Amino acid sequence: MLRPMTSIKTLTRLALPVALALGLSACATPFKADVSRFAVPLPAPQGQTFAVVAEDPKLAGGLEFATYANAVAAELSELGYARAASPETADMLVRFDYRVDGGRERVRTDFNGGAFAGPGWGRWGGWGGGFGAWGFGFNDPFFGGPDVRSYTVYTSGVDVKIDRRADGQRLFEGKAEAVSRSNRLPRLVPNLVDAIFTDFPGNSGETLRITIRDDEKTVRPTD
């Protein structure tokens, strides 16, 4: 029979790989966005040109906007459209905007023990289990009681509108929004752009939840 301290060390060694695996999986959290799109039949790519312009004039000419506009242009180029030399010569104007809010606090409560009585120091000082015992269970100093944490979540989004330049007819409107723990636009915007152009142009009036992982995408209707 193992002595108490030996058993604790053994359980700790067994728990470490699980904790490491959970930590690694947390780092690979998929990106989820809700995407809404409205469109009329877009012209099939036959040499039509486009230019990405800022919906908000304050963003026009900025290096940050240019970086995100290049991501939009890359998606349209992959579809078969060609980037124009200037907005004045483009067949289509792609109006683009992005944002992230100031965040809001959320509170999460984790119950790590409840009525579970796991192995530990028994009620009478021996090795075992039981309510009120020291160990991996009810009211133990490591796992007992609720764990209350607060954290900040941010809502980010991008808007894409495509107009025919010749007569101003609106061809496409799309919006992608995500709630995440990050407010870093250089990380959020490329994923939002990726989401809005997934299965582009989509079904007009439909809202989808698009999940982006390193190796795949999942598209499903929202609840």
Protein backbone atom coordinates (compact mmCIF):
# COMPACT_ATOMS: atom_id res chain seq x y z
CA MET A 1 0.00 0.00 0.00
CA LEU A 2 1.37 3.45 -0.97
CA ARG A 3 2.00 5.97 1.77
CA PRO A 4 -0.04 9.20 1.55
CA MET A 5 2.79 11.44 0.30
CA THR A 6 3.84 8.85 -2.27
CA SER A 7 0.27 8.65 -3.55
CA ILE A 8 0.04 12.44 -3.79
CA LYS A 9 3.22 12.56 -5.87
CA THR A 10 1.91 9.77 -8.07
CA LEU A 11 -1.40 11.58 -8.66
CA THR A 12 0.47 14.80 -9.40
CA ARG A 13 2.62 13.09 -12.01
CA LEU A 14 -0.48 11.60 -13.59
CA ALA A 15 -2.28 14.95 -13.62
CA LEU A 16 0.54 16.91 -15.26
CA PRO A 17 0.13 15.46 -18.79
CA VAL A 18 -3.63 16.12 -18.61
CA ALA A 19 -3.06 19.72 -17.52
CA LEU A 20 -0.52 20.25 -20.29
CA ALA A 21 -2.89 18.80 -22.88
CA LEU A 22 -5.68 21.07 -21.68
CA GLY A 23 -3.35 24.05 -21.85
CA LEU A 24 -2.34 23.23 -25.41
CA SER A 25 -5.93 22.75 -26.50
CA ALA A 26 -6.83 26.13 -24.98
CA CYS A 27 -4.20 27.75 -27.17
CA ALA A 28 -5.90 26.30 -30.24
CA THR A 29 -9.33 27.77 -29.53
CA PRO A 30 -11.21 28.07 -32.83
CA PHE A 31 -12.42 31.46 -34.07
CA LYS A 32 -16.22 31.79 -34.37
CA ALA A 33 -18.09 34.50 -36.25
CA ASP A 34 -21.72 35.17 -37.09
CA VAL A 35 -22.03 36.17 -40.74
CA SER A 36 -25.04 37.82 -42.40
CA ARG A 37 -25.12 38.47 -46.15
CA PHE A 38 -27.51 40.04 -48.66
CA ALA A 39 -26.83 39.95 -52.38
CA VAL A 40 -28.22 40.22 -55.88
CA PRO A 41 -26.69 37.92 -58.50
CA LEU A 42 -23.10 39.05 -58.83
CA PRO A 43 -21.52 39.09 -62.28
CA ALA A 44 -19.43 36.02 -62.97
CA PRO A 45 -15.72 36.87 -62.95
CA GLN A 46 -14.90 37.91 -66.51
CA GLY A 47 -12.20 40.46 -66.02
CA GLN A 48 -14.28 42.83 -63.88
CA THR A 49 -12.17 45.04 -61.67
CA PHE A 50 -12.68 46.24 -58.12
CA ALA A 51 -11.20 48.70 -55.66
CA VAL A 52 -11.41 48.49 -51.87
CA VAL A 53 -12.29 51.85 -50.32
CA ALA A 54 -12.89 52.95 -46.73
CA GLU A 55 -16.50 53.29 -45.66
CA ASP A 56 -15.28 55.66 -42.94
CA PRO A 57 -13.34 58.54 -44.55
CA LYS A 58 -11.19 58.83 -41.41
CA LEU A 59 -9.66 55.41 -42.21
CA ALA A 60 -8.80 56.26 -45.82
CA GLY A 61 -5.07 56.40 -46.50
CA GLY A 62 -4.07 54.71 -43.25
CA LEU A 63 -1.53 51.92 -43.19
CA GLU A 64 -3.74 49.79 -40.94
CA PHE A 65 -6.68 50.13 -43.31
CA ALA A 66 -4.43 49.28 -46.27
CA THR A 67 -3.37 46.06 -44.52
CA TYR A 68 -6.95 44.90 -44.02
CA ALA A 69 -7.99 46.10 -47.49
CA ASN A 70 -5.29 43.85 -48.93
CA ALA A 71 -6.90 40.88 -47.13
CA VAL A 72 -10.26 41.74 -48.74
CA ALA A 73 -8.61 42.19 -52.13
CA ALA A 74 -6.89 38.80 -51.81
CA GLU A 75 -10.27 37.11 -51.23
CA LEU A 76 -11.84 38.78 -54.28
CA SER A 77 -8.82 38.04 -56.44
CA GLU A 78 -9.06 34.39 -55.47
CA LEU A 79 -12.68 34.44 -56.69
CA GLY A 80 -11.48 35.65 -60.08
CA TYR A 81 -11.95 39.42 -59.96
CA ALA A 82 -9.07 41.79 -60.72
CA ARG A 83 -7.86 44.67 -58.59
CA ALA A 84 -8.13 48.03 -60.37
CA ALA A 85 -5.37 50.59 -60.45
CA SER A 86 -7.66 53.15 -58.80
CA PRO A 87 -11.27 53.49 -57.60
CA GLU A 88 -11.99 55.77 -60.56
CA THR A 89 -11.30 52.98 -63.03
CA ALA A 90 -12.87 50.08 -61.11
CA ASP A 91 -16.02 48.28 -62.21
CA MET A 92 -16.96 47.65 -58.58
CA LEU A 93 -16.33 49.63 -55.40
CA VAL A 94 -15.86 47.49 -52.28
CA ARG A 95 -16.67 49.59 -49.23
CA PHE A 96 -14.97 48.15 -46.16
CA ASP A 97 -15.17 48.97 -42.45
CA TYR A 98 -13.96 47.31 -39.23
CA ARG A 99 -14.40 47.88 -35.51
CA VAL A 100 -14.03 46.54 -31.98
CA ASP A 101 -15.92 47.80 -28.94
CA GLY A 102 -14.59 48.77 -25.51
CA GLY A 103 -15.43 45.41 -23.99
CA ARG A 104 -17.72 44.29 -21.19
CA GLU A 105 -17.15 42.28 -18.05
CA ARG A 106 -18.36 38.74 -17.62
CA VAL A 107 -18.32 36.62 -14.48
CA ARG A 108 -17.77 32.89 -14.58
CA THR A 109 -18.32 30.50 -11.69
CA ASP A 110 -16.74 27.05 -11.74
CA PHE A 111 -17.84 24.48 -9.17
CA ASN A 112 -14.83 22.26 -8.66
CA GLY A 113 -16.04 20.03 -5.87
CA GLY A 114 -19.72 20.00 -5.18
CA ALA A 115 -20.81 16.89 -3.34
CA PHE A 116 -17.99 14.80 -4.72
CA ALA A 117 -15.88 13.04 -2.14
CA GLY A 118 -12.62 11.98 -3.65
CA PRO A 119 -9.47 10.38 -2.31
CA GLY A 120 -7.58 12.28 0.38
CA TRP A 121 -6.99 12.39 4.05
CA GLY A 122 -9.92 10.70 5.74
CA ARG A 123 -12.14 12.22 8.39
CA TRP A 124 -10.10 10.55 11.12
CA GLY A 125 -6.70 11.39 9.66
CA GLY A 126 -6.26 8.24 7.64
CA TRP A 127 -5.85 8.01 3.87
CA GLY A 128 -9.19 7.69 2.18
CA GLY A 129 -12.20 9.80 1.29
CA GLY A 130 -15.27 11.36 2.77
CA PHE A 131 -17.10 14.62 3.15
CA GLY A 132 -15.05 17.27 4.89
CA ALA A 133 -11.90 15.25 4.18
CA TRP A 134 -8.66 16.71 2.92
CA GLY A 135 -8.10 15.54 -0.62
CA PHE A 136 -9.31 15.83 -4.16
CA GLY A 137 -12.97 16.29 -3.30
CA PHE A 138 -15.52 18.13 -1.25
CA ASN A 139 -14.14 21.17 0.63
CA ASP A 140 -10.53 20.22 0.05
CA PRO A 141 -8.09 23.18 -0.11
CA PHE A 142 -7.19 22.58 -3.76
CA PHE A 143 -10.48 21.84 -5.52
CA GLY A 144 -13.27 22.64 -3.06
CA GLY A 145 -15.80 25.44 -3.43
CA PRO A 146 -16.73 27.59 -6.39
CA ASP A 147 -14.05 29.41 -8.36
CA VAL A 148 -15.39 32.84 -9.39
CA ARG A 149 -13.53 34.75 -12.09
CA SER A 150 -14.25 37.90 -14.05
CA TYR A 151 -12.90 38.68 -17.48
CA THR A 152 -13.48 41.08 -20.37
CA VAL A 153 -15.00 40.11 -23.72
CA TYR A 154 -14.98 42.24 -26.85
CA THR A 155 -17.28 42.35 -29.87
CA SER A 156 -15.50 42.92 -33.16
CA GLY A 157 -16.89 43.17 -36.66
CA VAL A 158 -16.33 43.96 -40.31
CA ASP A 159 -18.72 45.26 -42.97
CA VAL A 160 -18.35 44.72 -46.71
CA LYS A 161 -20.54 46.47 -49.30
CA ILE A 162 -20.06 46.09 -53.04
CA ASP A 163 -21.50 48.66 -55.46
CA ARG A 164 -21.40 48.80 -59.23
CA ARG A 165 -19.51 52.00 -59.87
CA ALA A 166 -21.22 52.92 -63.15
CA ASP A 167 -24.69 53.40 -61.64
CA GLY A 168 -24.17 52.91 -57.89
CA GLN A 169 -26.33 49.76 -57.69
CA ARG A 170 -25.73 47.81 -54.51
CA LEU A 171 -24.67 44.25 -55.33
CA PHE A 172 -23.69 42.84 -51.93
CA GLU A 173 -23.87 43.62 -48.23
CA GLY A 174 -22.19 41.47 -45.63
CA LYS A 175 -21.42 41.64 -41.93
CA ALA A 176 -19.30 39.40 -39.71
CA GLU A 177 -19.18 39.72 -35.93
CA ALA A 178 -17.32 37.81 -33.23
CA VAL A 179 -17.13 37.84 -29.44
CA SER A 180 -13.69 37.05 -28.04
CA ARG A 181 -11.27 37.74 -25.20
CA SER A 182 -9.03 39.74 -27.54
CA ASN A 183 -9.42 43.28 -28.84
CA ARG A 184 -6.42 43.13 -31.16
CA LEU A 185 -7.67 44.10 -34.60
CA PRO A 186 -4.60 42.76 -36.48
CA ARG A 187 -5.58 39.29 -35.26
CA LEU A 188 -9.36 39.69 -35.44
CA VAL A 189 -9.91 41.40 -38.80
CA PRO A 190 -8.20 38.77 -41.01
CA ASN A 191 -10.36 36.05 -39.42
CA LEU A 192 -13.51 38.13 -39.85
CA VAL A 193 -12.65 38.75 -43.50
CA ASP A 194 -12.02 35.03 -43.95
CA ALA A 195 -15.44 34.30 -42.42
CA ILE A 196 -17.38 36.78 -44.54
CA PHE A 197 -15.91 35.39 -47.76
CA THR A 198 -16.49 31.75 -46.83
CA ASP A 199 -18.86 30.29 -49.46
CA PHE A 200 -19.20 33.81 -50.89
CA PRO A 201 -21.67 35.34 -51.70
CA GLY A 202 -23.87 32.84 -49.82
CA ASN A 203 -27.67 32.82 -49.69
CA SER A 204 -29.16 36.28 -49.43
CA GLY A 205 -30.74 36.95 -46.03
CA GLU A 206 -29.10 33.99 -44.30
CA THR A 207 -27.11 34.25 -41.07
CA LEU A 208 -24.46 31.61 -40.41
CA ARG A 209 -22.11 30.66 -37.61
CA ILE A 210 -18.70 30.09 -39.19
CA THR A 211 -15.98 28.40 -37.15
CA ILE A 212 -12.39 28.69 -38.36
CA ARG A 213 -9.80 26.21 -37.16
CA ASP A 214 -6.24 25.71 -38.28
CA ASP A 215 -7.21 22.73 -40.40
CA GLU A 216 -10.85 23.27 -41.40
CA LYS A 217 -13.95 25.45 -41.38
CA THR A 218 -17.42 24.63 -40.13
CA VAL A 219 -20.50 26.46 -41.45
CA ARG A 220 -23.92 26.08 -39.87
CA PRO A 221 -27.09 28.16 -39.48
CA THR A 222 -27.36 30.15 -36.28
CA ASP A 223 -29.87 29.10 -33.65
